[in-house]
Amino acid sequence: MPQFPFPGEYLKMINIHFSAQADAVLRPLGLTLAQSDVLLFLDQRGGEETTLQDIARHFRLKHPTVVGLVRRLEDKGFLTSAVSPRDHRCRVLRLTERYDEVRRVMEQTRLRMDARAVRGFSDAELAQLGQYLARVYHNVCDP
């Protein structure tokens, strides 16, 4: 048996520290890491119609969790929601100008944190790490 924490334990510890550091940087913007993830997801979709269900599916979250995240982002003025013209049962989400004001800081924060996490790795090691993490992810996601 290995003398180091199992992969799940390392991933858990990394997530705890990564989230805490990101939350500390994002707090002055009025955001949490989870909220910024939702905003970046919407931004990456490039204006494509996005619903609460799309967010729930992408992040593997329960509907009430997504409703709470979106409600807080609406209250803070980062996005709006409206009834979908295609399906009146769904709400379509749109980013606001307030998001445009913080986008750069969010992206720079993510880049800095990612760079810090892999500092000292060679290009070959980064490629190998990416392959290992992808394998772990697929192993965890596959039944």
C-alpha atoms as a PDB file:
ATOM      1  CA  MET A   1       0.000   0.000   0.000  1.00  0.00           C
ATOM      2  CA  PRO A   2       1.448   3.460  -0.914  1.00  0.00           C
ATOM      3  CA  GLN A   3       2.705   5.743   1.863  1.00  0.00           C
ATOM      4  CA  PHE A   4       1.090   8.870   0.351  1.00  0.00           C
ATOM      5  CA  PRO A   5      -2.538   9.968   0.267  1.00  0.00           C
ATOM      6  CA  PHE A   6      -4.649   8.237  -2.324  1.00  0.00           C
ATOM      7  CA  PRO A   7      -5.496  10.206  -5.516  1.00  0.00           C
ATOM      8  CA  GLY A   8      -8.942  11.094  -4.178  1.00  0.00           C
ATOM      9  CA  GLU A   9      -7.392  12.610  -1.064  1.00  0.00           C
ATOM     10  CA  TYR A  10      -4.920  14.685  -3.094  1.00  0.00           C
ATOM     11  CA  LEU A  11      -7.683  15.874  -5.405  1.00  0.00           C
ATOM     12  CA  LYS A  12      -9.830  16.805  -2.411  1.00  0.00           C
ATOM     13  CA  MET A  13      -6.983  18.762  -0.765  1.00  0.00           C
ATOM     14  CA  ILE A  14      -6.146  20.530  -4.038  1.00  0.00           C
ATOM     15  CA  ASN A  15      -9.800  21.482  -4.529  1.00  0.00           C
ATOM     16  CA  ILE A  16     -10.116  22.852  -0.988  1.00  0.00           C
ATOM     17  CA  HIS A  17      -7.032  25.055  -1.313  1.00  0.00           C
ATOM     18  CA  PHE A  18      -7.764  26.110  -4.897  1.00  0.00           C
ATOM     19  CA  SER A  19     -11.346  27.074  -4.004  1.00  0.00           C
ATOM     20  CA  ALA A  20     -10.327  29.006  -0.887  1.00  0.00           C
ATOM     21  CA  GLN A  21      -7.674  30.987  -2.772  1.00  0.00           C
ATOM     22  CA  ALA A  22     -10.027  31.751  -5.653  1.00  0.00           C
ATOM     23  CA  ASP A  23     -12.833  32.778  -3.287  1.00  0.00           C
ATOM     24  CA  ALA A  24     -10.458  35.182  -1.511  1.00  0.00           C
ATOM     25  CA  VAL A  25      -9.523  36.870  -4.803  1.00  0.00           C
ATOM     26  CA  LEU A  26     -13.103  36.942  -6.110  1.00  0.00           C
ATOM     27  CA  ARG A  27     -14.727  38.146  -2.866  1.00  0.00           C
ATOM     28  CA  PRO A  28     -13.973  41.858  -3.566  1.00  0.00           C
ATOM     29  CA  LEU A  29     -15.808  41.426  -6.892  1.00  0.00           C
ATOM     30  CA  GLY A  30     -18.844  40.071  -5.060  1.00  0.00           C
ATOM     31  CA  LEU A  31     -18.339  36.547  -6.406  1.00  0.00           C
ATOM     32  CA  THR A  32     -17.477  33.046  -5.312  1.00  0.00           C
ATOM     33  CA  LEU A  33     -15.592  30.478  -7.384  1.00  0.00           C
ATOM     34  CA  ALA A  34     -18.814  28.548  -8.041  1.00  0.00           C
ATOM     35  CA  GLN A  35     -20.536  31.715  -9.266  1.00  0.00           C
ATOM     36  CA  SER A  36     -17.592  32.649 -11.471  1.00  0.00           C
ATOM     37  CA  ASP A  37     -17.623  29.149 -12.972  1.00  0.00           C
ATOM     38  CA  VAL A  38     -21.248  29.667 -14.020  1.00  0.00           C
ATOM     39  CA  LEU A  39     -20.430  33.076 -15.533  1.00  0.00           C
ATOM     40  CA  LEU A  40     -17.446  31.696 -17.462  1.00  0.00           C
ATOM     41  CA  PHE A  41     -19.591  28.806 -18.717  1.00  0.00           C
ATOM     42  CA  LEU A  42     -22.171  31.251 -20.037  1.00  0.00           C
ATOM     43  CA  ASP A  43     -19.419  33.354 -21.612  1.00  0.00           C
ATOM     44  CA  GLN A  44     -17.864  30.326 -23.331  1.00  0.00           C
ATOM     45  CA  ARG A  45     -21.225  29.514 -24.909  1.00  0.00           C
ATOM     46  CA  GLY A  46     -20.939  32.758 -26.862  1.00  0.00           C
ATOM     47  CA  GLY A  47     -24.521  33.915 -26.577  1.00  0.00           C
ATOM     48  CA  GLU A  48     -25.979  30.471 -27.334  1.00  0.00           C
ATOM     49  CA  GLU A  49     -29.294  30.007 -25.545  1.00  0.00           C
ATOM     50  CA  THR A  50     -28.436  28.614 -22.110  1.00  0.00           C
ATOM     51  CA  THR A  51     -30.919  27.369 -19.528  1.00  0.00           C
ATOM     52  CA  LEU A  52     -30.755  26.314 -15.905  1.00  0.00           C
ATOM     53  CA  GLN A  53     -30.852  22.715 -17.121  1.00  0.00           C
ATOM     54  CA  ASP A  54     -27.753  23.293 -19.271  1.00  0.00           C
ATOM     55  CA  ILE A  55     -25.856  24.539 -16.224  1.00  0.00           C
ATOM     56  CA  ALA A  56     -27.090  21.657 -14.060  1.00  0.00           C
ATOM     57  CA  ARG A  57     -26.012  19.137 -16.686  1.00  0.00           C
ATOM     58  CA  HIS A  58     -22.603  20.720 -17.313  1.00  0.00           C
ATOM     59  CA  PHE A  59     -21.641  21.048 -13.634  1.00  0.00           C
ATOM     60  CA  ARG A  60     -23.567  17.947 -12.499  1.00  0.00           C
ATOM     61  CA  LEU A  61     -25.542  19.985  -9.983  1.00  0.00           C
ATOM     62  CA  LYS A  62     -29.054  19.545  -8.680  1.00  0.00           C
ATOM     63  CA  HIS A  63     -31.680  21.954  -9.999  1.00  0.00           C
ATOM     64  CA  PRO A  64     -32.226  23.738  -6.637  1.00  0.00           C
ATOM     65  CA  THR A  65     -28.476  24.406  -6.375  1.00  0.00           C
ATOM     66  CA  VAL A  66     -28.426  25.985  -9.842  1.00  0.00           C
ATOM     67  CA  VAL A  67     -31.531  28.040  -9.042  1.00  0.00           C
ATOM     68  CA  GLY A  68     -29.753  29.446  -5.965  1.00  0.00           C
ATOM     69  CA  LEU A  69     -26.543  30.223  -7.875  1.00  0.00           C
ATOM     70  CA  VAL A  70     -28.430  31.951 -10.687  1.00  0.00           C
ATOM     71  CA  ARG A  71     -30.675  33.881  -8.294  1.00  0.00           C
ATOM     72  CA  ARG A  72     -27.628  35.274  -6.446  1.00  0.00           C
ATOM     73  CA  LEU A  73     -25.935  36.198  -9.734  1.00  0.00           C
ATOM     74  CA  GLU A  74     -29.117  37.953 -10.865  1.00  0.00           C
ATOM     75  CA  ASP A  75     -29.381  39.804  -7.543  1.00  0.00           C
ATOM     76  CA  LYS A  76     -25.782  40.963  -7.961  1.00  0.00           C
ATOM     77  CA  GLY A  77     -26.457  42.141 -11.524  1.00  0.00           C
ATOM     78  CA  PHE A  78     -24.133  39.704 -13.333  1.00  0.00           C
ATOM     79  CA  LEU A  79     -26.846  38.053 -15.407  1.00  0.00           C
ATOM     80  CA  THR A  80     -30.490  38.228 -16.335  1.00  0.00           C
ATOM     81  CA  SER A  81     -33.006  35.496 -16.978  1.00  0.00           C
ATOM     82  CA  ALA A  82     -36.093  35.509 -19.144  1.00  0.00           C
ATOM     83  CA  VAL A  83     -38.607  33.007 -20.436  1.00  0.00           C
ATOM     84  CA  SER A  84     -37.270  31.143 -23.462  1.00  0.00           C
ATOM     85  CA  PRO A  85     -39.014  32.066 -26.704  1.00  0.00           C
ATOM     86  CA  ARG A  86     -38.585  28.433 -27.844  1.00  0.00           C
ATOM     87  CA  ASP A  87     -39.817  26.731 -24.662  1.00  0.00           C
ATOM     88  CA  HIS A  88     -41.893  28.757 -22.225  1.00  0.00           C
ATOM     89  CA  ARG A  89     -41.121  26.276 -19.439  1.00  0.00           C
ATOM     90  CA  CYS A  90     -37.422  27.270 -19.493  1.00  0.00           C
ATOM     91  CA  ARG A  91     -35.558  30.407 -18.515  1.00  0.00           C
ATOM     92  CA  VAL A  92     -32.743  31.693 -20.743  1.00  0.00           C
ATOM     93  CA  LEU A  93     -29.728  33.289 -19.080  1.00  0.00           C
ATOM     94  CA  ARG A  94     -27.781  36.276 -20.407  1.00  0.00           C
ATOM     95  CA  LEU A  95     -24.644  37.974 -19.120  1.00  0.00           C
ATOM     96  CA  THR A  96     -24.818  41.688 -18.318  1.00  0.00           C
ATOM     97  CA  GLU A  97     -22.376  44.569 -18.624  1.00  0.00           C
ATOM     98  CA  ARG A  98     -21.482  44.041 -14.965  1.00  0.00           C
ATOM     99  CA  TYR A  99     -19.979  40.704 -15.981  1.00  0.00           C
ATOM    100  CA  ASP A 100     -17.917  42.447 -18.673  1.00  0.00           C
ATOM    101  CA  GLU A 101     -16.426  44.625 -15.919  1.00  0.00           C
ATOM    102  CA  VAL A 102     -15.064  41.622 -13.979  1.00  0.00           C
ATOM    103  CA  ARG A 103     -14.328  39.151 -16.803  1.00  0.00           C
ATOM    104  CA  ARG A 104     -10.687  40.128 -17.163  1.00  0.00           C
ATOM    105  CA  VAL A 105      -9.995  39.809 -13.431  1.00  0.00           C
ATOM    106  CA  MET A 106     -11.682  36.408 -13.344  1.00  0.00           C
ATOM    107  CA  GLU A 107      -9.703  35.120 -16.328  1.00  0.00           C
ATOM    108  CA  GLN A 108      -6.400  36.470 -14.975  1.00  0.00           C
ATOM    109  CA  THR A 109      -7.097  34.917 -11.578  1.00  0.00           C
ATOM    110  CA  ARG A 110      -7.724  31.524 -13.140  1.00  0.00           C
ATOM    111  CA  LEU A 111      -4.570  31.744 -15.285  1.00  0.00           C
ATOM    112  CA  ARG A 112      -2.412  32.770 -12.307  1.00  0.00           C
ATOM    113  CA  MET A 113      -3.769  29.987 -10.139  1.00  0.00           C
ATOM    114  CA  ASP A 114      -3.301  27.371 -12.853  1.00  0.00           C
ATOM    115  CA  ALA A 115       0.258  28.586 -13.508  1.00  0.00           C
ATOM    116  CA  ARG A 116       1.035  28.448  -9.807  1.00  0.00           C
ATOM    117  CA  ALA A 117      -0.326  24.909  -9.532  1.00  0.00           C
ATOM    118  CA  VAL A 118       2.032  23.607 -12.228  1.00  0.00           C
ATOM    119  CA  ARG A 119       5.090  25.765 -11.602  1.00  0.00           C
ATOM    120  CA  GLY A 120       8.299  23.799 -11.966  1.00  0.00           C
ATOM    121  CA  PHE A 121       6.780  21.255 -14.347  1.00  0.00           C
ATOM    122  CA  SER A 122       8.458  20.701 -17.710  1.00  0.00           C
ATOM    123  CA  ASP A 123       6.363  20.678 -20.873  1.00  0.00           C
ATOM    124  CA  ALA A 124       6.667  16.878 -20.988  1.00  0.00           C
ATOM    125  CA  GLU A 125       5.527  16.607 -17.362  1.00  0.00           C
ATOM    126  CA  LEU A 126       2.568  18.892 -18.049  1.00  0.00           C
ATOM    127  CA  ALA A 127       1.523  16.737 -20.988  1.00  0.00           C
ATOM    128  CA  GLN A 128       1.839  13.622 -18.851  1.00  0.00           C
ATOM    129  CA  LEU A 129      -0.071  15.234 -15.970  1.00  0.00           C
ATOM    130  CA  GLY A 130      -2.867  16.180 -18.368  1.00  0.00           C
ATOM    131  CA  GLN A 131      -3.089  12.595 -19.569  1.00  0.00           C
ATOM    132  CA  TYR A 132      -3.127  11.245 -16.013  1.00  0.00           C
ATOM    133  CA  LEU A 133      -5.789  13.684 -14.857  1.00  0.00           C
ATOM    134  CA  ALA A 134      -7.932  12.902 -17.899  1.00  0.00           C
ATOM    135  CA  ARG A 135      -7.656   9.184 -17.106  1.00  0.00           C
ATOM    136  CA  VAL A 136      -8.594   9.756 -13.461  1.00  0.00           C
ATOM    137  CA  TYR A 137     -11.548  11.899 -14.542  1.00  0.00           C
ATOM    138  CA  HIS A 138     -12.811   9.265 -16.974  1.00  0.00           C
ATOM    139  CA  ASN A 139     -12.296   6.485 -14.418  1.00  0.00           C
ATOM    140  CA  VAL A 140     -14.338   8.413 -11.860  1.00  0.00           C
ATOM    141  CA  CYS A 141     -17.089   9.351 -14.317  1.00  0.00           C
ATOM    142  CA  ASP A 142     -17.496   5.914 -15.913  1.00  0.00           C
ATOM    143  CA  PRO A 143     -19.777   3.541 -14.014  1.00  0.00           C
END
